[in-house]
């Protein structure tokens, strides 16, 4: 069972690394505003996420079996008390690697989310600029809304000393 768990963790590590690569590719595509490439990356990423879910379900099932055998131990405690030093080190390393990869992936996804929000904001701004009504006067108008006559109000430089 421990070798199966180790193999599952190794599979999770591989998928997480692929997801990190996709996150980096998405960052580049978002910066360059290549929507078609982004769509392709998202489709491929969805396949990886499906694989990740399957591997995670398998890992959860194996962890549940271990909990039934050792109900009073957490997984870390279970690994720490393993008599096989090689397996103990392997599992500890895999868990640490998965935690690091997950942190990196979350950071990259947060950056990509910000880039996506900024891109959408830019697009919305451009749409607003294009669809804005053309009833703007580019000359100065009185804040009261009434055009002022030149004789009624003198400007600052037109006053007598």
Protein backbone atom coordinates (compact mmCIF):
# COMPACT_ATOMS: atom_id res chain seq x y z
CA UNK A 1 0.00 0.00 0.00
CA UNK A 2 2.86 2.41 0.75
CA UNK A 3 4.37 1.90 -2.69
CA UNK A 4 0.98 2.64 -4.25
CA UNK A 5 0.72 5.79 -2.14
CA UNK A 6 4.22 6.83 -3.17
CA UNK A 7 3.39 6.24 -6.83
CA UNK A 8 0.21 8.31 -6.47
CA UNK A 9 2.15 11.14 -4.83
CA UNK A 10 4.71 10.99 -7.65
CA UNK A 11 1.88 11.24 -10.17
CA UNK A 12 0.49 14.27 -8.31
CA UNK A 13 3.94 15.89 -8.39
CA UNK A 14 4.18 15.35 -12.15
CA UNK A 15 0.75 16.86 -12.75
CA UNK A 16 1.52 19.84 -10.51
CA UNK A 17 4.73 20.51 -12.47
CA UNK A 18 2.76 20.42 -15.72
CA UNK A 19 0.22 22.83 -14.24
CA UNK A 20 3.07 25.16 -13.28
CA UNK A 21 4.29 25.09 -16.89
CA UNK A 22 0.78 25.91 -18.10
CA UNK A 23 0.52 28.77 -15.59
CA UNK A 24 3.75 30.26 -16.92
CA UNK A 25 2.58 29.86 -20.53
CA UNK A 26 -0.72 31.52 -19.62
CA UNK A 27 1.14 34.45 -18.05
CA UNK A 28 3.06 35.02 -21.29
CA UNK A 29 -0.08 34.66 -23.41
CA UNK A 30 -2.02 37.07 -21.19
CA UNK A 31 0.72 39.67 -21.42
CA UNK A 32 0.86 39.31 -25.21
CA UNK A 33 -2.98 39.25 -25.41
CA UNK A 34 -3.16 36.11 -27.56
CA UNK A 35 -6.71 34.98 -26.86
CA UNK A 36 -6.69 31.98 -29.20
CA UNK A 37 -3.59 30.53 -27.56
CA UNK A 38 -5.13 31.18 -24.15
CA UNK A 39 -8.22 29.19 -25.12
CA UNK A 40 -6.06 26.25 -26.20
CA UNK A 41 -4.05 26.38 -22.97
CA UNK A 42 -7.21 26.44 -20.89
CA UNK A 43 -8.56 23.35 -22.69
CA UNK A 44 -5.30 21.45 -22.14
CA UNK A 45 -5.20 22.60 -18.54
CA UNK A 46 -8.74 21.30 -17.99
CA UNK A 47 -7.56 17.83 -19.04
CA UNK A 48 -4.71 18.04 -16.53
CA UNK A 49 -7.08 19.15 -13.79
CA UNK A 50 -9.24 16.11 -14.52
CA UNK A 51 -6.16 13.87 -14.15
CA UNK A 52 -5.25 15.71 -10.96
CA UNK A 53 -8.71 15.07 -9.52
CA UNK A 54 -8.45 11.36 -10.30
CA UNK A 55 -5.01 11.09 -8.69
CA UNK A 56 -6.19 13.11 -5.69
CA UNK A 57 -9.22 10.83 -5.26
CA UNK A 58 -6.89 7.81 -5.31
CA UNK A 59 -4.62 9.46 -2.73
CA UNK A 60 -7.59 10.25 -0.49
CA UNK A 61 -8.78 6.65 -0.72
CA UNK A 62 -5.34 5.33 0.26
CA UNK A 63 -5.10 7.84 3.11
CA UNK A 64 -8.54 6.76 4.35
CA UNK A 65 -7.41 3.13 4.37
CA UNK A 66 -4.33 4.11 6.37
CA UNK A 67 -6.51 6.02 8.84
CA UNK A 68 -8.64 2.93 9.36
CA UNK A 69 -5.55 0.89 10.15
CA UNK A 70 -4.05 3.60 12.39
CA UNK A 71 -6.96 5.76 13.61
CA UNK A 72 -5.01 7.57 16.34
CA UNK A 73 -2.20 8.86 14.05
CA UNK A 74 -2.12 11.74 11.61
CA UNK A 75 -0.51 11.05 8.26
CA UNK A 76 2.69 12.87 9.24
CA UNK A 77 2.87 10.89 12.47
CA UNK A 78 2.26 7.67 10.55
CA UNK A 79 5.08 8.46 8.13
CA UNK A 80 7.42 9.44 10.97
CA UNK A 81 6.95 6.10 12.73
CA UNK A 82 7.58 3.96 9.61
CA UNK A 83 10.37 1.42 10.18
CA UNK A 84 11.53 1.56 6.54
CA UNK A 85 13.81 4.61 6.43
CA UNK A 86 13.91 4.73 2.64
CA UNK A 87 10.11 4.78 2.33
CA UNK A 88 9.86 7.31 5.17
CA UNK A 89 12.29 9.70 3.45
CA UNK A 90 10.62 9.21 0.09
CA UNK A 91 7.15 10.02 1.44
CA UNK A 92 8.40 13.02 3.43
CA UNK A 93 10.21 14.36 0.37
CA UNK A 94 7.17 13.86 -1.84
CA UNK A 95 4.88 15.62 0.63
CA UNK A 96 7.32 18.55 0.91
CA UNK A 97 7.64 18.78 -2.86
CA UNK A 98 3.88 18.77 -3.31
CA UNK A 99 3.49 21.56 -0.75
CA UNK A 100 6.15 23.67 -2.51
CA UNK A 101 4.59 23.11 -5.93
CA UNK A 102 1.16 23.97 -4.61
CA UNK A 103 2.47 27.25 -3.17
CA UNK A 104 4.19 28.14 -6.47
CA UNK A 105 1.07 27.29 -8.44
CA UNK A 106 -1.11 29.43 -6.20
CA UNK A 107 1.29 32.38 -6.58
CA UNK A 108 1.39 32.06 -10.39
CA UNK A 109 -2.38 31.71 -10.59
CA UNK A 110 -2.80 34.83 -8.47
CA UNK A 111 -0.54 36.77 -10.89
CA UNK A 112 -2.47 35.39 -13.88
CA UNK A 113 -5.75 36.34 -12.24
CA UNK A 114 -4.51 39.92 -11.79
CA UNK A 115 -3.34 40.04 -15.43
CA UNK A 116 -6.70 38.75 -16.59
CA UNK A 117 -8.59 41.32 -14.51
CA UNK A 118 -6.38 44.10 -15.87
CA UNK A 119 -6.93 42.90 -19.44
CA UNK A 120 -10.68 42.78 -18.95
CA UNK A 121 -10.61 46.26 -17.44
CA UNK A 122 -8.68 47.54 -20.44
CA UNK A 123 -11.13 45.94 -22.87
CA UNK A 124 -14.08 47.40 -20.96
CA UNK A 125 -12.44 50.83 -21.03
CA UNK A 126 -11.92 50.59 -24.79
CA UNK A 127 -15.52 49.50 -25.32
CA UNK A 128 -16.68 52.46 -23.23
CA UNK A 129 -14.55 54.81 -25.31
CA UNK A 130 -15.91 53.50 -28.59
CA UNK A 131 -19.55 53.46 -27.53
CA UNK A 132 -19.52 56.77 -25.64
CA UNK A 133 -21.90 59.36 -27.07
CA UNK A 134 -20.31 62.09 -29.14
CA UNK A 135 -22.17 64.95 -27.42
CA UNK A 136 -19.10 66.22 -25.66
CA UNK A 137 -18.10 69.83 -26.11
CA UNK A 138 -14.41 70.24 -26.09
CA UNK A 139 -14.66 73.95 -25.24
CA UNK A 140 -15.03 75.29 -21.75
CA UNK A 141 -18.59 75.44 -20.49
CA UNK A 142 -19.89 77.03 -17.37
CA UNK A 143 -20.54 74.61 -14.54
CA UNK A 144 -24.09 76.02 -14.46
CA UNK A 145 -24.73 74.50 -17.85
CA UNK A 146 -25.59 77.84 -19.51
CA UNK A 147 -23.22 79.27 -22.05
CA UNK A 148 -21.80 82.53 -20.77
CA UNK A 149 -21.60 85.68 -22.79
CA UNK A 150 -18.29 87.35 -23.30
CA UNK A 151 -19.59 90.75 -22.20
CA UNK A 152 -21.36 89.66 -19.05
CA UNK A 153 -18.43 87.95 -17.39
CA UNK A 154 -14.94 89.14 -17.85
CA UNK A 155 -12.04 86.77 -17.45
CA UNK A 156 -9.24 87.32 -14.98
CA UNK A 157 -7.04 89.13 -17.52
CA UNK A 158 -9.87 91.34 -18.79
CA UNK A 159 -10.41 93.21 -15.51
CA UNK A 160 -9.27 96.77 -15.01
CA UNK A 161 -6.49 97.50 -12.62
